[in-house]
Amino acid sequence: MTNKIIDASSRESHGRAAKLKAKAAQMLSEMKTAERAIVLTQRGAASAIIQDFQAHQRLQEALLMLKLMVQGEADIPARRTTTQEQVFADLKVRLAATTDG
């Protein structure tokens, strides 16, 4: 995914800001199609990212998965693990309890 850089402190940014307002739907569609975000800069430093919602959701889900992986990796040396057989046995007991009641 490549990012488009816009310097928000330049004269060019005023025109681009107007373009953003006037053509927001078109830009969002293009961002989604090209799978890229727009990076806004101020004085040459990145200050904000414009990203479509689905891309943001995918990023959040990926970060959550990474967090879970890190937690899982930390559980191994701390011996906070359960065998696959025990997990399935517990699930069978829970499933039976919900279908019987």
Foldseek 3Di string as FASTA:
>chain_A
DDEAEAACADPVNVVVVVCCVVCVVVVQVVCVVVVYWYFYHYPPHTDDIHHDPVSVVVVVVVVVVVVVVVVVVVCVVVVVDDDPVVVVVVVVVVVCVVVVD
